[in-house]
Amino acid sequence: MTEVLVTGGLGFIGSHTVVSLAYAGFTPVILDNLSNSRISVLDGLEQLCGYRPVFYEGDVNNPEVYDRICAAHTIQAVIHFAAFKAVGESVEKPLAYYRNNVGGLISLLEGMQKSGISNLVFSSSCTVYGEPDHVPPDESAPVKPAMSPYGATKQMGEQILRDIPSIRTQCLRYFNPIGAHESAQIGELPLGVPNNLVPYLTQSVAGWRGPLTVHGNDYPTPDGSCIRDYIHVMDLAEAHVAALNRLLGGKSDSAFEVFNIGTGKGSSVLEVIQAFEEATGEKVPFTIGPRRPGDIVQVWADTQKVDNQLGWKARRDLHTMMKDAWRWQQQLTRPS
C-alpha cells in the first residue's frame, strides 16, 4: 500500500481527502497540530475508512516531526494542507500567516529533501489571481498583487515550489470548498467563530450564532454581493487523488504543474443563501454589512485544463452542497 503523508489531515479539506485516499487504495498518514481541528474527527474517519488512520500530533514548523514519521513509514508523497486559511483573519494577523504558511512549507520541503520524498500535491488558492483582468481566469492568467496576506502566502508558496524542481509538484488552485461528506460523519467545524460563509450560515440557522452578515451588497455584480465558485469538498478531495495519481504515474509534463479546481460556475453570496433555503426549507437570517477588507468582487474557475489533462470534473451541484452541509450541522452538538 502506498503511504501518503497528509499535513493538516484532520482539517476540513484534509479529512475529506483522507477518506478519498483510503477509497482509492492509498494509506494516509495524518499530521495535524489541532490548532483548528478536533481529535474527534478521527472517529468519523475510522467509520468511513474502515480502519483508524495513523495520526501524529505535531506542527509542520517542527523538523523533528518529519524524522519521526519517516522513520516509521515509507512515505511516497505528501499532500500539504497545513496552513491558516481565512482572508479576513490574515489582514488582522499577517505575521502569523507568513510564519505558519510560508515557514511551514519551507520546513516541510526541508524534511522531504532530507527523507528523499519527491512528490507533493500543494494546496493553493484562486486568491493568487488577485482581482483578475478577466473572469474566469485560466492557469496562464497573470498572478496579480495579492488582496490579502493569505493570498500572498499562497503566491509565495507557489514561487518557492517553482524554484525546487527536485520536488515534483501538482499545485491545485482551488476555489471555495463547502459541503460535507454525505454520511455526515465528517464536515466543517472550525474552532470558535467561523470565518467562512457556509459554516457560519448553517450555525446561524441552527441558532448557534446571530444573523449571517453579507459583506457588501453594492459590488458591480447582478445582485450586488460577491461572486465565488463554490465546490463540494468531496469533489475537491477527489481532485487531490487524481493529482496524486498523475504524479505517481509519471504523467506530469513538468516538475511544477498548476490546475484550477472549481466547478466553472460562479454564485453570489445571496444566491448561496437562496440555494440553501430551497435545498433545506430553512430560512436564513441575515443582514447586510460593509464590505470586508481583502475581498475581491468576483471569480470563478476556467476548468478546461483540469478537465482535459487531469481527467477530473466536479460532479456535485450547489443544492447538494447545501443539503450535505445542513445534514452535517444537524447532527452536531453545540460546543459549550
C-alpha atoms as a PDB file:
ATOM      1  CA  MET A   1       0.000   0.000   0.000  1.00  0.00           C
ATOM      2  CA  THR A   2       1.333   3.448  -0.932  1.00  0.00           C
ATOM      3  CA  GLU A   3       1.694   5.638   2.160  1.00  0.00           C
ATOM      4  CA  VAL A   4       0.843   9.319   1.741  1.00  0.00           C
ATOM      5  CA  LEU A   5       1.520  11.977   4.373  1.00  0.00           C
ATOM      6  CA  VAL A   6      -1.406  14.386   4.724  1.00  0.00           C
ATOM      7  CA  THR A   7      -0.471  17.523   6.657  1.00  0.00           C
ATOM      8  CA  GLY A   8      -3.483  19.203   8.217  1.00  0.00           C
ATOM      9  CA  GLY A   9      -5.276  15.905   7.697  1.00  0.00           C
ATOM     10  CA  LEU A  10      -7.878  16.447  10.433  1.00  0.00           C
ATOM     11  CA  GLY A  11      -8.994  19.771   8.973  1.00  0.00           C
ATOM     12  CA  PHE A  12     -11.975  20.312   6.702  1.00  0.00           C
ATOM     13  CA  ILE A  13     -10.411  19.591   3.316  1.00  0.00           C
ATOM     14  CA  GLY A  14      -7.708  17.328   4.698  1.00  0.00           C
ATOM     15  CA  SER A  15     -10.111  14.928   6.412  1.00  0.00           C
ATOM     16  CA  HIS A  16     -12.247  14.524   3.305  1.00  0.00           C
ATOM     17  CA  THR A  17      -9.122  13.903   1.236  1.00  0.00           C
ATOM     18  CA  VAL A  18      -8.033  11.225   3.726  1.00  0.00           C
ATOM     19  CA  VAL A  19     -11.320   9.439   3.001  1.00  0.00           C
ATOM     20  CA  SER A  20     -10.850   9.720  -0.761  1.00  0.00           C
ATOM     21  CA  LEU A  21      -7.288   8.416  -0.459  1.00  0.00           C
ATOM     22  CA  ALA A  22      -8.497   5.400   1.520  1.00  0.00           C
ATOM     23  CA  TYR A  23     -11.255   4.725  -1.023  1.00  0.00           C
ATOM     24  CA  ALA A  24      -8.626   4.851  -3.791  1.00  0.00           C
ATOM     25  CA  GLY A  25      -6.385   2.290  -2.092  1.00  0.00           C
ATOM     26  CA  PHE A  26      -3.764   4.612  -0.575  1.00  0.00           C
ATOM     27  CA  THR A  27      -2.709   4.547   3.077  1.00  0.00           C
ATOM     28  CA  PRO A  28      -2.973   8.061   4.541  1.00  0.00           C
ATOM     29  CA  VAL A  29      -0.706   9.108   7.408  1.00  0.00           C
ATOM     30  CA  ILE A  30      -2.066  12.223   9.136  1.00  0.00           C
ATOM     31  CA  LEU A  31      -0.092  15.090  10.669  1.00  0.00           C
ATOM     32  CA  ASP A  32      -2.061  17.843  12.421  1.00  0.00           C
ATOM     33  CA  ASN A  33      -1.379  20.195  15.331  1.00  0.00           C
ATOM     34  CA  LEU A  34      -5.108  20.514  16.204  1.00  0.00           C
ATOM     35  CA  SER A  35      -4.930  24.321  16.076  1.00  0.00           C
ATOM     36  CA  ASN A  36      -8.142  24.485  14.037  1.00  0.00           C
ATOM     37  CA  SER A  37      -9.381  20.906  14.115  1.00  0.00           C
ATOM     38  CA  ARG A  38     -10.557  18.283  16.586  1.00  0.00           C
ATOM     39  CA  ILE A  39      -9.182  14.881  17.512  1.00  0.00           C
ATOM     40  CA  SER A  40     -12.764  13.545  17.334  1.00  0.00           C
ATOM     41  CA  VAL A  41     -12.515  13.758  13.531  1.00  0.00           C
ATOM     42  CA  LEU A  42     -10.525  10.527  13.739  1.00  0.00           C
ATOM     43  CA  ASP A  43     -13.685   8.750  14.887  1.00  0.00           C
ATOM     44  CA  GLY A  44     -15.524   9.800  11.742  1.00  0.00           C
ATOM     45  CA  LEU A  45     -12.566   8.814   9.592  1.00  0.00           C
ATOM     46  CA  GLU A  46     -12.493   5.392  11.213  1.00  0.00           C
ATOM     47  CA  GLN A  47     -16.163   4.877  10.344  1.00  0.00           C
ATOM     48  CA  LEU A  48     -15.655   5.918   6.727  1.00  0.00           C
ATOM     49  CA  CYS A  49     -12.277   4.291   6.037  1.00  0.00           C
ATOM     50  CA  GLY A  50     -12.980   1.032   7.849  1.00  0.00           C
ATOM     51  CA  TYR A  51      -9.862   1.497   9.990  1.00  0.00           C
ATOM     52  CA  ARG A  52      -8.395   4.223  12.173  1.00  0.00           C
ATOM     53  CA  PRO A  53      -5.805   6.174  10.159  1.00  0.00           C
ATOM     54  CA  VAL A  54      -2.381   6.668  11.708  1.00  0.00           C
ATOM     55  CA  PHE A  55      -2.244  10.087  13.329  1.00  0.00           C
ATOM     56  CA  TYR A  56       0.672  12.200  14.527  1.00  0.00           C
ATOM     57  CA  GLU A  57       0.041  15.306  16.566  1.00  0.00           C
ATOM     58  CA  GLY A  58       2.664  17.842  15.593  1.00  0.00           C
ATOM     59  CA  ASP A  59       3.418  21.091  13.830  1.00  0.00           C
ATOM     60  CA  VAL A  60       4.711  21.421  10.269  1.00  0.00           C
ATOM     61  CA  ASN A  61       7.198  24.009  11.519  1.00  0.00           C
ATOM     62  CA  ASN A  62       8.917  21.387  13.708  1.00  0.00           C
ATOM     63  CA  PRO A  63      11.604  19.491  11.726  1.00  0.00           C
ATOM     64  CA  GLU A  64      11.706  16.660  14.262  1.00  0.00           C
ATOM     65  CA  VAL A  65       8.184  15.562  13.403  1.00  0.00           C
ATOM     66  CA  TYR A  66       9.246  14.544   9.882  1.00  0.00           C
ATOM     67  CA  ASP A  67      12.102  12.469  11.281  1.00  0.00           C
ATOM     68  CA  ARG A  68       9.642  10.554  13.454  1.00  0.00           C
ATOM     69  CA  ILE A  69       7.170   9.959  10.655  1.00  0.00           C
ATOM     70  CA  CYS A  70       9.726   8.956   8.034  1.00  0.00           C
ATOM     71  CA  ALA A  71      11.442   6.595  10.482  1.00  0.00           C
ATOM     72  CA  ALA A  72       8.166   4.706  10.928  1.00  0.00           C
ATOM     73  CA  HIS A  73       6.702   4.889   7.410  1.00  0.00           C
ATOM     74  CA  THR A  74       7.719   4.677   3.767  1.00  0.00           C
ATOM     75  CA  ILE A  75       6.165   7.925   2.594  1.00  0.00           C
ATOM     76  CA  GLN A  76       5.873   8.150  -1.197  1.00  0.00           C
ATOM     77  CA  ALA A  77       4.151  11.533  -1.445  1.00  0.00           C
ATOM     78  CA  VAL A  78       2.837  14.439   0.612  1.00  0.00           C
ATOM     79  CA  ILE A  79      -0.427  16.341   0.338  1.00  0.00           C
ATOM     80  CA  HIS A  80       0.051  19.654   2.127  1.00  0.00           C
ATOM     81  CA  PHE A  81      -2.983  21.328   3.727  1.00  0.00           C
ATOM     82  CA  ALA A  82      -1.478  22.603   6.991  1.00  0.00           C
ATOM     83  CA  ALA A  83      -1.965  26.369   6.696  1.00  0.00           C
ATOM     84  CA  PHE A  84      -4.101  29.177   8.034  1.00  0.00           C
ATOM     85  CA  LYS A  85      -6.816  29.959   5.518  1.00  0.00           C
ATOM     86  CA  ALA A  86      -9.064  32.927   6.384  1.00  0.00           C
ATOM     87  CA  VAL A  87      -8.726  36.046   4.235  1.00  0.00           C
ATOM     88  CA  GLY A  88     -10.155  38.444   6.833  1.00  0.00           C
ATOM     89  CA  GLU A  89      -8.106  37.000   9.683  1.00  0.00           C
ATOM     90  CA  SER A  90      -4.940  37.264   7.589  1.00  0.00           C
ATOM     91  CA  VAL A  91      -5.497  41.018   7.287  1.00  0.00           C
ATOM     92  CA  GLU A  92      -5.662  41.222  11.083  1.00  0.00           C
ATOM     93  CA  LYS A  93      -2.765  38.798  11.765  1.00  0.00           C
ATOM     94  CA  PRO A  94      -0.383  38.963   8.801  1.00  0.00           C
ATOM     95  CA  LEU A  95       2.755  37.838  10.633  1.00  0.00           C
ATOM     96  CA  ALA A  96       1.040  34.716  11.940  1.00  0.00           C
ATOM     97  CA  TYR A  97       0.046  33.833   8.369  1.00  0.00           C
ATOM     98  CA  TYR A  98       3.528  34.371   6.959  1.00  0.00           C
ATOM     99  CA  ARG A  99       5.154  32.411   9.782  1.00  0.00           C
ATOM    100  CA  ASN A 100       2.793  29.466   9.517  1.00  0.00           C
ATOM    101  CA  ASN A 101       2.004  29.249   5.816  1.00  0.00           C
ATOM    102  CA  VAL A 102       5.392  30.155   4.341  1.00  0.00           C
ATOM    103  CA  GLY A 103       7.599  28.964   7.189  1.00  0.00           C
ATOM    104  CA  GLY A 104       5.670  25.700   7.474  1.00  0.00           C
ATOM    105  CA  LEU A 105       6.063  24.975   3.764  1.00  0.00           C
ATOM    106  CA  ILE A 106       9.819  25.574   3.943  1.00  0.00           C
ATOM    107  CA  SER A 107      10.116  23.238   6.935  1.00  0.00           C
ATOM    108  CA  LEU A 108       8.116  20.589   5.090  1.00  0.00           C
ATOM    109  CA  LEU A 109      10.269  20.847   1.965  1.00  0.00           C
ATOM    110  CA  GLU A 110      13.440  20.541   4.021  1.00  0.00           C
ATOM    111  CA  GLY A 111      12.013  17.422   5.646  1.00  0.00           C
ATOM    112  CA  MET A 112      11.054  15.977   2.260  1.00  0.00           C
ATOM    113  CA  GLN A 113      14.518  16.589   0.826  1.00  0.00           C
ATOM    114  CA  LYS A 114      16.170  15.018   3.870  1.00  0.00           C
ATOM    115  CA  SER A 115      13.974  11.916   3.526  1.00  0.00           C
ATOM    116  CA  GLY A 116      14.163  11.648  -0.257  1.00  0.00           C
ATOM    117  CA  ILE A 117      10.444  12.300  -0.849  1.00  0.00           C
ATOM    118  CA  SER A 118       9.944  13.973  -4.228  1.00  0.00           C
ATOM    119  CA  ASN A 119       6.167  14.056  -4.812  1.00  0.00           C
ATOM    120  CA  LEU A 120       3.939  16.846  -3.491  1.00  0.00           C
ATOM    121  CA  VAL A 121       0.352  17.965  -4.002  1.00  0.00           C
ATOM    122  CA  PHE A 122       0.169  21.571  -2.828  1.00  0.00           C
ATOM    123  CA  SER A 123      -2.970  23.261  -1.564  1.00  0.00           C
ATOM    124  CA  SER A 124      -3.022  26.623  -3.320  1.00  0.00           C
ATOM    125  CA  SER A 125      -5.871  29.013  -3.957  1.00  0.00           C
ATOM    126  CA  CYS A 126      -7.616  31.140  -6.554  1.00  0.00           C
ATOM    127  CA  THR A 127      -6.601  34.112  -4.407  1.00  0.00           C
ATOM    128  CA  VAL A 128      -3.278  34.089  -6.293  1.00  0.00           C
ATOM    129  CA  TYR A 129      -5.129  35.724  -9.201  1.00  0.00           C
ATOM    130  CA  GLY A 130      -5.994  38.748  -7.057  1.00  0.00           C
ATOM    131  CA  GLU A 131      -8.648  40.783  -8.865  1.00  0.00           C
ATOM    132  CA  PRO A 132      -8.281  39.057 -12.270  1.00  0.00           C
ATOM    133  CA  ASP A 133      -8.222  41.012 -15.519  1.00  0.00           C
ATOM    134  CA  HIS A 134     -10.923  38.754 -16.900  1.00  0.00           C
ATOM    135  CA  VAL A 135     -13.252  36.139 -15.459  1.00  0.00           C
ATOM    136  CA  PRO A 136     -12.892  33.219 -15.473  1.00  0.00           C
ATOM    137  CA  PRO A 137      -9.091  33.132 -15.253  1.00  0.00           C
ATOM    138  CA  ASP A 138      -7.238  30.141 -16.650  1.00  0.00           C
ATOM    139  CA  GLU A 139      -3.939  28.870 -15.287  1.00  0.00           C
ATOM    140  CA  SER A 140      -1.943  31.195 -17.552  1.00  0.00           C
ATOM    141  CA  ALA A 141      -3.623  34.302 -16.124  1.00  0.00           C
ATOM    142  CA  PRO A 142      -1.142  36.699 -14.504  1.00  0.00           C
ATOM    143  CA  VAL A 143      -0.604  36.435 -10.782  1.00  0.00           C
ATOM    144  CA  LYS A 144      -1.748  39.856  -9.627  1.00  0.00           C
ATOM    145  CA  PRO A 145      -0.850  41.707  -6.420  1.00  0.00           C
ATOM    146  CA  ALA A 146      -2.445  39.786  -3.584  1.00  0.00           C
ATOM    147  CA  MET A 147      -5.566  41.259  -1.995  1.00  0.00           C
ATOM    148  CA  SER A 148      -4.685  39.794   1.408  1.00  0.00           C
ATOM    149  CA  PRO A 149      -1.747  38.327   3.332  1.00  0.00           C
ATOM    150  CA  TYR A 150      -3.387  34.916   2.918  1.00  0.00           C
ATOM    151  CA  GLY A 151      -3.285  35.298  -0.859  1.00  0.00           C
ATOM    152  CA  ALA A 152       0.321  36.485  -0.636  1.00  0.00           C
ATOM    153  CA  THR A 153       1.332  33.343   1.277  1.00  0.00           C
ATOM    154  CA  LYS A 154      -0.090  31.173  -1.489  1.00  0.00           C
ATOM    155  CA  GLN A 155       1.749  33.180  -4.148  1.00  0.00           C
ATOM    156  CA  MET A 156       4.993  32.831  -2.179  1.00  0.00           C
ATOM    157  CA  GLY A 157       4.399  29.108  -1.728  1.00  0.00           C
ATOM    158  CA  GLU A 158       3.975  28.609  -5.453  1.00  0.00           C
ATOM    159  CA  GLN A 159       7.178  30.535  -6.211  1.00  0.00           C
ATOM    160  CA  ILE A 160       9.144  28.504  -3.676  1.00  0.00           C
ATOM    161  CA  LEU A 161       7.937  25.278  -5.294  1.00  0.00           C
ATOM    162  CA  ARG A 162       8.841  26.500  -8.783  1.00  0.00           C
ATOM    163  CA  ASP A 163      12.359  27.094  -7.511  1.00  0.00           C
ATOM    164  CA  ILE A 164      12.781  23.487  -6.296  1.00  0.00           C
ATOM    165  CA  PRO A 165      12.428  21.242  -9.374  1.00  0.00           C
ATOM    166  CA  SER A 166      13.749  18.237  -7.418  1.00  0.00           C
ATOM    167  CA  ILE A 167      10.307  18.069  -5.792  1.00  0.00           C
ATOM    168  CA  ARG A 168       7.640  17.321  -8.390  1.00  0.00           C
ATOM    169  CA  THR A 169       4.561  19.339  -7.527  1.00  0.00           C
ATOM    170  CA  GLN A 170       0.932  19.328  -8.530  1.00  0.00           C
ATOM    171  CA  CYS A 171      -0.308  22.764  -7.469  1.00  0.00           C
ATOM    172  CA  LEU A 172      -4.085  22.899  -7.091  1.00  0.00           C
ATOM    173  CA  ARG A 173      -5.573  26.380  -7.143  1.00  0.00           C
ATOM    174  CA  TYR A 174      -8.965  25.741  -5.749  1.00  0.00           C
ATOM    175  CA  PHE A 175     -11.880  27.974  -5.291  1.00  0.00           C
ATOM    176  CA  ASN A 176     -14.410  27.832  -2.400  1.00  0.00           C
ATOM    177  CA  PRO A 177     -14.909  24.377  -0.872  1.00  0.00           C
ATOM    178  CA  ILE A 178     -18.142  23.827   1.048  1.00  0.00           C
ATOM    179  CA  GLY A 179     -20.456  20.952   1.988  1.00  0.00           C
ATOM    180  CA  ALA A 180     -19.628  17.785   3.912  1.00  0.00           C
ATOM    181  CA  HIS A 181     -19.374  14.047   3.404  1.00  0.00           C
ATOM    182  CA  GLU A 182     -22.829  12.741   2.541  1.00  0.00           C
ATOM    183  CA  SER A 183     -22.736  10.421   5.576  1.00  0.00           C
ATOM    184  CA  ALA A 184     -22.431  13.433   7.924  1.00  0.00           C
ATOM    185  CA  GLN A 185     -19.566  11.612   9.659  1.00  0.00           C
ATOM    186  CA  ILE A 186     -17.182  14.486   8.848  1.00  0.00           C
ATOM    187  CA  GLY A 187     -17.681  18.099   7.809  1.00  0.00           C
ATOM    188  CA  GLU A 188     -16.582  21.653   8.531  1.00  0.00           C
ATOM    189  CA  LEU A 189     -16.500  22.670  12.184  1.00  0.00           C
ATOM    190  CA  PRO A 190     -13.841  25.330  12.819  1.00  0.00           C
ATOM    191  CA  LEU A 191     -12.861  26.242  16.340  1.00  0.00           C
ATOM    192  CA  GLY A 192     -14.528  29.440  17.502  1.00  0.00           C
ATOM    193  CA  VAL A 193     -16.498  31.750  15.212  1.00  0.00           C
ATOM    194  CA  PRO A 194     -16.376  30.536  11.581  1.00  0.00           C
ATOM    195  CA  ASN A 195     -14.579  32.793   9.098  1.00  0.00           C
ATOM    196  CA  ASN A 196     -16.152  31.150   6.050  1.00  0.00           C
ATOM    197  CA  LEU A 197     -19.628  31.693   4.651  1.00  0.00           C
ATOM    198  CA  VAL A 198     -21.316  28.292   4.819  1.00  0.00           C
ATOM    199  CA  PRO A 199     -20.374  27.115   8.336  1.00  0.00           C
ATOM    200  CA  TYR A 200     -21.447  30.498   9.693  1.00  0.00           C
ATOM    201  CA  LEU A 201     -24.672  30.237   7.682  1.00  0.00           C
ATOM    202  CA  THR A 202     -25.523  26.758   8.983  1.00  0.00           C
ATOM    203  CA  GLN A 203     -24.650  27.687  12.559  1.00  0.00           C
ATOM    204  CA  SER A 204     -26.815  30.793  12.268  1.00  0.00           C
ATOM    205  CA  VAL A 205     -29.783  28.753  11.041  1.00  0.00           C
ATOM    206  CA  ALA A 206     -29.184  26.269  13.866  1.00  0.00           C
ATOM    207  CA  GLY A 207     -29.309  29.084  16.411  1.00  0.00           C
ATOM    208  CA  TRP A 208     -25.642  28.880  17.385  1.00  0.00           C
ATOM    209  CA  ARG A 209     -24.895  32.351  16.008  1.00  0.00           C
ATOM    210  CA  GLY A 210     -26.657  35.587  15.312  1.00  0.00           C
ATOM    211  CA  PRO A 211     -27.726  36.531  11.794  1.00  0.00           C
ATOM    212  CA  LEU A 212     -25.266  35.985   8.963  1.00  0.00           C
ATOM    213  CA  THR A 213     -23.648  39.195   7.702  1.00  0.00           C
ATOM    214  CA  VAL A 214     -23.457  39.601   3.929  1.00  0.00           C
ATOM    215  CA  HIS A 215     -20.338  41.706   3.481  1.00  0.00           C
ATOM    216  CA  GLY A 216     -21.464  44.256   0.908  1.00  0.00           C
ATOM    217  CA  ASN A 217     -24.397  44.467  -1.488  1.00  0.00           C
ATOM    218  CA  ASP A 218     -23.005  47.291  -3.633  1.00  0.00           C
ATOM    219  CA  TYR A 219     -20.464  45.368  -5.712  1.00  0.00           C
ATOM    220  CA  PRO A 220     -20.749  45.542  -9.539  1.00  0.00           C
ATOM    221  CA  THR A 221     -22.479  42.151  -9.748  1.00  0.00           C
ATOM    222  CA  PRO A 222     -26.088  41.299 -10.681  1.00  0.00           C
ATOM    223  CA  ASP A 223     -27.316  41.318  -7.053  1.00  0.00           C
ATOM    224  CA  GLY A 224     -24.539  43.425  -5.516  1.00  0.00           C
ATOM    225  CA  SER A 225     -22.915  40.630  -3.491  1.00  0.00           C
ATOM    226  CA  CYS A 226     -19.559  38.965  -4.181  1.00  0.00           C
ATOM    227  CA  ILE A 227     -19.429  36.023  -6.580  1.00  0.00           C
ATOM    228  CA  ARG A 228     -17.373  32.881  -5.970  1.00  0.00           C
ATOM    229  CA  ASP A 229     -17.010  29.389  -7.421  1.00  0.00           C
ATOM    230  CA  TYR A 230     -18.311  27.061  -4.702  1.00  0.00           C
ATOM    231  CA  ILE A 231     -17.159  23.447  -4.966  1.00  0.00           C
ATOM    232  CA  HIS A 232     -18.228  20.414  -2.956  1.00  0.00           C
ATOM    233  CA  VAL A 233     -15.442  19.333  -0.624  1.00  0.00           C
ATOM    234  CA  MET A 234     -15.685  15.718  -1.808  1.00  0.00           C
ATOM    235  CA  ASP A 235     -15.196  16.809  -5.427  1.00  0.00           C
ATOM    236  CA  LEU A 236     -12.156  18.725  -4.245  1.00  0.00           C
ATOM    237  CA  ALA A 237     -10.871  15.707  -2.296  1.00  0.00           C
ATOM    238  CA  GLU A 238     -11.194  13.534  -5.388  1.00  0.00           C
ATOM    239  CA  ALA A 239      -9.188  16.108  -7.365  1.00  0.00           C
ATOM    240  CA  HIS A 240      -6.285  15.609  -4.954  1.00  0.00           C
ATOM    241  CA  VAL A 241      -6.372  11.861  -5.586  1.00  0.00           C
ATOM    242  CA  ALA A 242      -6.363  12.488  -9.346  1.00  0.00           C
ATOM    243  CA  ALA A 243      -3.360  14.806  -8.964  1.00  0.00           C
ATOM    244  CA  LEU A 244      -1.554  12.223  -6.841  1.00  0.00           C
ATOM    245  CA  ASN A 245      -2.170   9.532  -9.444  1.00  0.00           C
ATOM    246  CA  ARG A 246      -0.780  11.853 -12.113  1.00  0.00           C
ATOM    247  CA  LEU A 247       2.379  12.369 -10.063  1.00  0.00           C
ATOM    248  CA  LEU A 248       2.973   8.759  -9.110  1.00  0.00           C
ATOM    249  CA  GLY A 249       2.101   7.556 -12.601  1.00  0.00           C
ATOM    250  CA  GLY A 250       4.788   9.742 -14.147  1.00  0.00           C
ATOM    251  CA  LYS A 251       2.239  11.560 -16.297  1.00  0.00           C
ATOM    252  CA  SER A 252       3.105  15.151 -15.350  1.00  0.00           C
ATOM    253  CA  ASP A 253       4.550  17.292 -18.114  1.00  0.00           C
ATOM    254  CA  SER A 254       6.905  19.256 -15.865  1.00  0.00           C
ATOM    255  CA  ALA A 255       8.190  19.421 -12.288  1.00  0.00           C
ATOM    256  CA  PHE A 256       5.611  22.076 -11.394  1.00  0.00           C
ATOM    257  CA  GLU A 257       2.082  21.908 -12.762  1.00  0.00           C
ATOM    258  CA  VAL A 258      -0.893  24.122 -11.900  1.00  0.00           C
ATOM    259  CA  PHE A 259      -4.587  23.266 -12.122  1.00  0.00           C
ATOM    260  CA  ASN A 260      -7.699  25.286 -11.310  1.00  0.00           C
ATOM    261  CA  ILE A 261     -10.087  23.208  -9.198  1.00  0.00           C
ATOM    262  CA  GLY A 262     -13.628  24.542  -9.352  1.00  0.00           C
ATOM    263  CA  THR A 263     -16.983  23.993 -10.991  1.00  0.00           C
ATOM    264  CA  GLY A 264     -16.594  26.703 -13.635  1.00  0.00           C
ATOM    265  CA  LYS A 265     -19.735  28.431 -12.352  1.00  0.00           C
ATOM    266  CA  GLY A 266     -19.985  31.481 -10.127  1.00  0.00           C
ATOM    267  CA  SER A 267     -22.626  32.013  -7.442  1.00  0.00           C
ATOM    268  CA  SER A 268     -23.177  35.161  -5.402  1.00  0.00           C
ATOM    269  CA  VAL A 269     -23.493  35.183  -1.622  1.00  0.00           C
ATOM    270  CA  LEU A 270     -27.200  35.949  -1.938  1.00  0.00           C
ATOM    271  CA  GLU A 271     -27.592  33.077  -4.425  1.00  0.00           C
ATOM    272  CA  VAL A 272     -25.940  30.719  -1.922  1.00  0.00           C
ATOM    273  CA  ILE A 273     -28.461  31.820   0.713  1.00  0.00           C
ATOM    274  CA  GLN A 274     -31.308  31.217  -1.732  1.00  0.00           C
ATOM    275  CA  ALA A 275     -29.934  27.787  -2.684  1.00  0.00           C
ATOM    276  CA  PHE A 276     -29.706  26.792   0.979  1.00  0.00           C
ATOM    277  CA  GLU A 277     -33.304  27.819   1.604  1.00  0.00           C
ATOM    278  CA  GLU A 278     -34.510  25.916  -1.475  1.00  0.00           C
ATOM    279  CA  ALA A 279     -32.485  22.790  -0.636  1.00  0.00           C
ATOM    280  CA  THR A 280     -33.397  22.581   3.049  1.00  0.00           C
ATOM    281  CA  GLY A 281     -36.638  24.502   3.517  1.00  0.00           C
ATOM    282  CA  GLU A 282     -34.948  26.521   6.264  1.00  0.00           C
ATOM    283  CA  LYS A 283     -34.914  30.324   6.427  1.00  0.00           C
ATOM    284  CA  VAL A 284     -31.524  32.025   6.682  1.00  0.00           C
ATOM    285  CA  PRO A 285     -31.396  35.076   8.992  1.00  0.00           C
ATOM    286  CA  PHE A 286     -29.026  37.637   7.505  1.00  0.00           C
ATOM    287  CA  THR A 287     -28.167  41.311   7.455  1.00  0.00           C
ATOM    288  CA  ILE A 288     -26.225  43.460   5.021  1.00  0.00           C
ATOM    289  CA  GLY A 289     -22.935  44.806   6.347  1.00  0.00           C
ATOM    290  CA  PRO A 290     -19.994  46.782   4.961  1.00  0.00           C
ATOM    291  CA  ARG A 291     -17.508  45.347   2.521  1.00  0.00           C
ATOM    292  CA  ARG A 292     -14.773  43.189   4.065  1.00  0.00           C
ATOM    293  CA  PRO A 293     -11.101  44.100   3.559  1.00  0.00           C
ATOM    294  CA  GLY A 294      -9.301  41.712   1.216  1.00  0.00           C
ATOM    295  CA  ASP A 295     -12.380  40.508  -0.680  1.00  0.00           C
ATOM    296  CA  ILE A 296     -12.363  40.564  -4.468  1.00  0.00           C
ATOM    297  CA  VAL A 297     -15.521  41.232  -6.465  1.00  0.00           C
ATOM    298  CA  GLN A 298     -15.938  38.032  -8.414  1.00  0.00           C
ATOM    299  CA  VAL A 299     -14.047  34.976  -9.574  1.00  0.00           C
ATOM    300  CA  TRP A 300     -14.806  31.508 -10.825  1.00  0.00           C
ATOM    301  CA  ALA A 301     -12.671  28.878 -12.499  1.00  0.00           C
ATOM    302  CA  ASP A 302     -11.764  28.189 -16.078  1.00  0.00           C
ATOM    303  CA  THR A 303     -11.671  24.384 -15.836  1.00  0.00           C
ATOM    304  CA  GLN A 304     -10.636  23.376 -19.369  1.00  0.00           C
ATOM    305  CA  LYS A 305      -7.100  22.357 -18.368  1.00  0.00           C
ATOM    306  CA  VAL A 306      -8.125  20.216 -15.410  1.00  0.00           C
ATOM    307  CA  ASP A 307     -10.904  18.591 -17.430  1.00  0.00           C
ATOM    308  CA  ASN A 308      -8.548  17.703 -20.282  1.00  0.00           C
ATOM    309  CA  GLN A 309      -5.256  16.914 -18.548  1.00  0.00           C
ATOM    310  CA  LEU A 310      -6.150  15.690 -15.077  1.00  0.00           C
ATOM    311  CA  GLY A 311      -9.301  13.873 -16.151  1.00  0.00           C
ATOM    312  CA  TRP A 312     -11.291  15.280 -13.253  1.00  0.00           C
ATOM    313  CA  LYS A 313     -14.569  17.191 -13.192  1.00  0.00           C
ATOM    314  CA  ALA A 314     -16.764  18.460 -10.357  1.00  0.00           C
ATOM    315  CA  ARG A 315     -19.942  16.368 -10.161  1.00  0.00           C
ATOM    316  CA  ARG A 316     -21.982  17.770  -7.257  1.00  0.00           C
ATOM    317  CA  ASP A 317     -24.207  20.859  -7.620  1.00  0.00           C
ATOM    318  CA  LEU A 318     -24.853  23.764  -5.238  1.00  0.00           C
ATOM    319  CA  HIS A 319     -28.062  22.283  -3.826  1.00  0.00           C
ATOM    320  CA  THR A 320     -26.199  19.062  -2.953  1.00  0.00           C
ATOM    321  CA  MET A 321     -23.519  21.126  -1.220  1.00  0.00           C
ATOM    322  CA  MET A 322     -26.188  22.875   0.837  1.00  0.00           C
ATOM    323  CA  LYS A 323     -28.010  19.670   1.759  1.00  0.00           C
ATOM    324  CA  ASP A 324     -24.815  17.959   2.868  1.00  0.00           C
ATOM    325  CA  ALA A 325     -23.655  20.986   4.881  1.00  0.00           C
ATOM    326  CA  TRP A 326     -27.015  21.152   6.666  1.00  0.00           C
ATOM    327  CA  ARG A 327     -27.123  17.396   7.309  1.00  0.00           C
ATOM    328  CA  TRP A 328     -23.698  17.709   8.959  1.00  0.00           C
ATOM    329  CA  GLN A 329     -24.819  20.688  11.037  1.00  0.00           C
ATOM    330  CA  GLN A 330     -27.980  18.956  12.245  1.00  0.00           C
ATOM    331  CA  GLN A 331     -26.133  16.088  13.924  1.00  0.00           C
ATOM    332  CA  LEU A 332     -23.648  18.335  15.740  1.00  0.00           C
ATOM    333  CA  THR A 333     -23.772  19.099  19.436  1.00  0.00           C
ATOM    334  CA  ARG A 334     -23.228  22.761  20.184  1.00  0.00           C
ATOM    335  CA  PRO A 335     -19.824  23.292  21.821  1.00  0.00           C
ATOM    336  CA  SER A 336     -20.058  24.508  25.415  1.00  0.00           C
END
